[in-house]
Amino acid sequence: MTERETRWVARLTPMPGSSVDCLLEMSLGLDVWERHAEFLVVAASDTQLSEIERRRLAHTEKVCTVAEFQSRAQQRRS
């Protein structure tokens, strides 16, 4: 991952026949923020998310960029 690559907050939903546990057991280099029964919330690059989709490990849904998330969190604290 390059320094200029956008990092996303994303929801990963395992493909049918897989599970959240299976995703967590893989060495995907993800920054897992939340674990739920049916999905994970992660911080990941475009490259990482594309590779997960290409390998058909999970459906990926970009929520917002990490920078946007941090900006909103900082505004709420102010």
N, C-alpha and C. Protein backbone atom coordinates (compact mmCIF):
# COMPACT_ATOMS: atom_id res chain seq x y z
N MET A 1 0.85 -1.18 0.00
CA MET A 1 0.00 0.00 0.00
C MET A 1 0.89 1.23 0.00
N THR A 2 0.59 2.19 -0.87
CA THR A 2 1.36 3.42 -0.92
C THR A 2 0.77 4.42 0.05
N GLU A 3 1.58 5.41 0.40
CA GLU A 3 1.11 6.44 1.34
C GLU A 3 -0.04 7.25 0.78
N ARG A 4 -0.12 7.37 -0.53
CA ARG A 4 -1.16 8.18 -1.16
C ARG A 4 -2.46 7.43 -1.39
N GLU A 5 -2.45 6.13 -1.17
CA GLU A 5 -3.64 5.33 -1.41
C GLU A 5 -4.70 5.63 -0.35
N THR A 6 -5.93 5.82 -0.81
CA THR A 6 -7.04 6.13 0.09
C THR A 6 -7.36 4.93 0.96
N ARG A 7 -7.55 5.19 2.25
CA ARG A 7 -8.00 4.15 3.17
C ARG A 7 -9.48 4.38 3.47
N TRP A 8 -10.21 3.31 3.45
CA TRP A 8 -11.66 3.35 3.61
C TRP A 8 -12.12 2.66 4.88
N VAL A 9 -13.18 3.17 5.46
CA VAL A 9 -13.94 2.43 6.45
C VAL A 9 -14.93 1.63 5.60
N ALA A 10 -14.92 0.32 5.75
CA ALA A 10 -15.74 -0.54 4.90
C ALA A 10 -16.38 -1.65 5.70
N ARG A 11 -17.50 -2.11 5.18
CA ARG A 11 -18.20 -3.26 5.77
C ARG A 11 -17.90 -4.46 4.89
N LEU A 12 -17.43 -5.54 5.51
CA LEU A 12 -17.16 -6.79 4.80
C LEU A 12 -18.18 -7.82 5.23
N THR A 13 -18.93 -8.33 4.28
CA THR A 13 -19.91 -9.38 4.54
C THR A 13 -19.42 -10.64 3.86
N PRO A 14 -19.13 -11.70 4.63
CA PRO A 14 -18.61 -12.93 4.03
C PRO A 14 -19.55 -13.48 2.95
N MET A 15 -18.96 -14.12 1.96
CA MET A 15 -19.73 -14.76 0.90
C MET A 15 -20.48 -15.96 1.49
N PRO A 16 -21.56 -16.38 0.85
CA PRO A 16 -22.28 -17.56 1.31
C PRO A 16 -21.33 -18.75 1.46
N GLY A 17 -21.50 -19.48 2.55
CA GLY A 17 -20.63 -20.62 2.82
C GLY A 17 -19.40 -20.27 3.61
N SER A 18 -19.22 -18.98 3.88
CA SER A 18 -18.09 -18.52 4.68
C SER A 18 -18.63 -17.85 5.94
N SER A 19 -17.75 -17.27 6.72
CA SER A 19 -18.19 -16.63 7.97
C SER A 19 -17.22 -15.52 8.36
N VAL A 20 -17.64 -14.74 9.33
CA VAL A 20 -16.78 -13.70 9.89
C VAL A 20 -15.53 -14.35 10.47
N ASP A 21 -15.70 -15.47 11.17
CA ASP A 21 -14.55 -16.17 11.74
C ASP A 21 -13.53 -16.56 10.67
N CYS A 22 -14.01 -17.04 9.53
CA CYS A 22 -13.11 -17.42 8.43
C CYS A 22 -12.31 -16.21 7.95
N LEU A 23 -12.97 -15.07 7.82
CA LEU A 23 -12.26 -13.86 7.39
C LEU A 23 -11.20 -13.47 8.41
N LEU A 24 -11.54 -13.58 9.69
CA LEU A 24 -10.59 -13.20 10.73
C LEU A 24 -9.39 -14.13 10.80
N GLU A 25 -9.57 -15.37 10.39
CA GLU A 25 -8.47 -16.34 10.41
C GLU A 25 -7.48 -16.12 9.27
N MET A 26 -7.88 -15.39 8.24
CA MET A 26 -7.02 -15.14 7.08
C MET A 26 -6.09 -13.97 7.37
N SER A 27 -4.92 -14.03 6.78
CA SER A 27 -3.96 -12.95 6.91
C SER A 27 -4.19 -11.94 5.78
N LEU A 28 -5.15 -11.03 6.00
CA LEU A 28 -5.53 -10.07 4.96
C LEU A 28 -4.95 -8.68 5.20
N GLY A 29 -4.31 -8.47 6.34
CA GLY A 29 -3.71 -7.17 6.64
C GLY A 29 -4.71 -6.07 6.90
N LEU A 30 -5.90 -6.43 7.35
CA LEU A 30 -6.95 -5.45 7.60
C LEU A 30 -6.87 -4.90 9.01
N ASP A 31 -7.30 -3.68 9.17
CA ASP A 31 -7.44 -3.05 10.48
C ASP A 31 -8.91 -3.23 10.87
N VAL A 32 -9.21 -4.24 11.69
CA VAL A 32 -10.59 -4.55 12.07
C VAL A 32 -11.02 -3.60 13.18
N TRP A 33 -12.08 -2.84 12.92
CA TRP A 33 -12.60 -1.88 13.89
C TRP A 33 -13.75 -2.46 14.70
N GLU A 34 -14.60 -3.23 14.04
CA GLU A 34 -15.75 -3.83 14.72
C GLU A 34 -16.00 -5.22 14.17
N ARG A 35 -16.43 -6.09 15.07
CA ARG A 35 -16.82 -7.45 14.66
C ARG A 35 -18.29 -7.63 15.04
N HIS A 36 -19.07 -8.05 14.07
CA HIS A 36 -20.48 -8.35 14.28
C HIS A 36 -20.71 -9.79 13.83
N ALA A 37 -21.86 -10.33 14.14
CA ALA A 37 -22.15 -11.72 13.78
C ALA A 37 -22.13 -11.94 12.27
N GLU A 38 -22.60 -10.95 11.51
CA GLU A 38 -22.75 -11.12 10.06
C GLU A 38 -21.76 -10.33 9.22
N PHE A 39 -20.99 -9.44 9.82
CA PHE A 39 -20.07 -8.61 9.04
C PHE A 39 -18.96 -8.05 9.92
N LEU A 40 -17.93 -7.50 9.27
CA LEU A 40 -16.84 -6.79 9.93
C LEU A 40 -16.84 -5.36 9.45
N VAL A 41 -16.42 -4.44 10.30
CA VAL A 41 -16.14 -3.07 9.89
C VAL A 41 -14.62 -2.94 9.98
N VAL A 42 -14.02 -2.55 8.86
CA VAL A 42 -12.56 -2.50 8.77
C VAL A 42 -12.10 -1.18 8.18
N ALA A 43 -10.82 -0.89 8.36
CA ALA A 43 -10.14 0.17 7.63
C ALA A 43 -9.22 -0.54 6.66
N ALA A 44 -9.33 -0.21 5.38
CA ALA A 44 -8.55 -0.91 4.36
C ALA A 44 -8.36 -0.02 3.14
N SER A 45 -7.34 -0.33 2.38
CA SER A 45 -7.06 0.42 1.15
C SER A 45 -7.92 -0.09 0.01
N ASP A 46 -7.98 0.70 -1.06
CA ASP A 46 -8.67 0.27 -2.28
C ASP A 46 -8.10 -1.06 -2.77
N THR A 47 -6.78 -1.19 -2.72
CA THR A 47 -6.12 -2.40 -3.19
C THR A 47 -6.57 -3.61 -2.38
N GLN A 48 -6.60 -3.48 -1.05
CA GLN A 48 -7.03 -4.58 -0.20
C GLN A 48 -8.48 -4.96 -0.47
N LEU A 49 -9.35 -3.96 -0.57
CA LEU A 49 -10.76 -4.24 -0.82
C LEU A 49 -10.97 -4.89 -2.18
N SER A 50 -10.25 -4.43 -3.19
CA SER A 50 -10.35 -5.03 -4.53
C SER A 50 -9.90 -6.48 -4.51
N GLU A 51 -8.84 -6.77 -3.79
CA GLU A 51 -8.33 -8.14 -3.71
C GLU A 51 -9.32 -9.06 -2.99
N ILE A 52 -9.96 -8.57 -1.96
CA ILE A 52 -10.97 -9.36 -1.25
C ILE A 52 -12.13 -9.68 -2.18
N GLU A 53 -12.57 -8.71 -2.96
CA GLU A 53 -13.65 -8.92 -3.93
C GLU A 53 -13.18 -9.89 -5.03
N ARG A 54 -11.96 -9.68 -5.54
CA ARG A 54 -11.45 -10.52 -6.62
C ARG A 54 -11.38 -11.98 -6.18
N ARG A 55 -10.97 -12.21 -4.95
CA ARG A 55 -10.86 -13.57 -4.42
C ARG A 55 -12.20 -14.13 -3.93
N ARG A 56 -13.23 -13.29 -4.03
CA ARG A 56 -14.59 -13.69 -3.62
C ARG A 56 -14.64 -14.17 -2.18
N LEU A 57 -13.93 -13.43 -1.32
CA LEU A 57 -13.92 -13.74 0.11
C LEU A 57 -15.07 -13.07 0.83
N ALA A 58 -15.43 -11.87 0.36
CA ALA A 58 -16.50 -11.11 1.01
C ALA A 58 -17.00 -10.03 0.06
N HIS A 59 -18.22 -9.60 0.32
CA HIS A 59 -18.76 -8.43 -0.37
C HIS A 59 -18.25 -7.22 0.40
N THR A 60 -17.74 -6.21 -0.29
CA THR A 60 -17.22 -5.01 0.37
C THR A 60 -18.12 -3.83 0.08
N GLU A 61 -18.35 -3.04 1.11
CA GLU A 61 -19.16 -1.83 0.99
C GLU A 61 -18.40 -0.68 1.64
N LYS A 62 -17.95 0.27 0.83
CA LYS A 62 -17.23 1.42 1.36
C LYS A 62 -18.23 2.34 2.05
N VAL A 63 -17.93 2.71 3.29
CA VAL A 63 -18.81 3.59 4.07
C VAL A 63 -18.36 5.04 3.91
N CYS A 64 -17.10 5.30 4.17
CA CYS A 64 -16.50 6.63 4.01
C CYS A 64 -15.00 6.45 4.10
N THR A 65 -14.26 7.50 3.78
CA THR A 65 -12.81 7.40 3.94
C THR A 65 -12.48 7.49 5.43
N VAL A 66 -11.32 6.97 5.78
CA VAL A 66 -10.87 7.07 7.18
C VAL A 66 -10.73 8.54 7.56
N ALA A 67 -10.25 9.37 6.64
CA ALA A 67 -10.09 10.81 6.92
C ALA A 67 -11.44 11.46 7.21
N GLU A 68 -12.47 11.11 6.43
CA GLU A 68 -13.82 11.65 6.69
C GLU A 68 -14.34 11.21 8.06
N PHE A 69 -14.13 9.94 8.38
CA PHE A 69 -14.57 9.41 9.67
C PHE A 69 -13.90 10.16 10.81
N GLN A 70 -12.60 10.36 10.71
CA GLN A 70 -11.85 11.05 11.76
C GLN A 70 -12.30 12.51 11.88
N SER A 71 -12.57 13.16 10.75
CA SER A 71 -13.02 14.54 10.77
C SER A 71 -14.38 14.66 11.47
N ARG A 72 -15.30 13.75 11.14
CA ARG A 72 -16.62 13.77 11.81
C ARG A 72 -16.50 13.51 13.29
N ALA A 73 -15.63 12.58 13.67
CA ALA A 73 -15.44 12.27 15.09
C ALA A 73 -14.87 13.48 15.83
N GLN A 74 -13.95 14.18 15.20
CA GLN A 74 -13.36 15.36 15.82
C GLN A 74 -14.40 16.47 15.97
N GLN A 75 -15.26 16.66 14.97
CA GLN A 75 -16.32 17.69 15.05
C GLN A 75 -17.29 17.39 16.18
N ARG A 76 -17.59 16.13 16.40
CA ARG A 76 -18.53 15.76 17.49
C ARG A 76 -17.92 16.05 18.84
N ARG A 77 -16.60 15.95 18.96
CA ARG A 77 -15.95 16.23 20.25
C ARG A 77 -15.89 17.72 20.53
N SER A 78 -15.95 18.54 19.49
CA SER A 78 -15.82 20.00 19.67
C SER A 78 -17.09 20.62 20.18
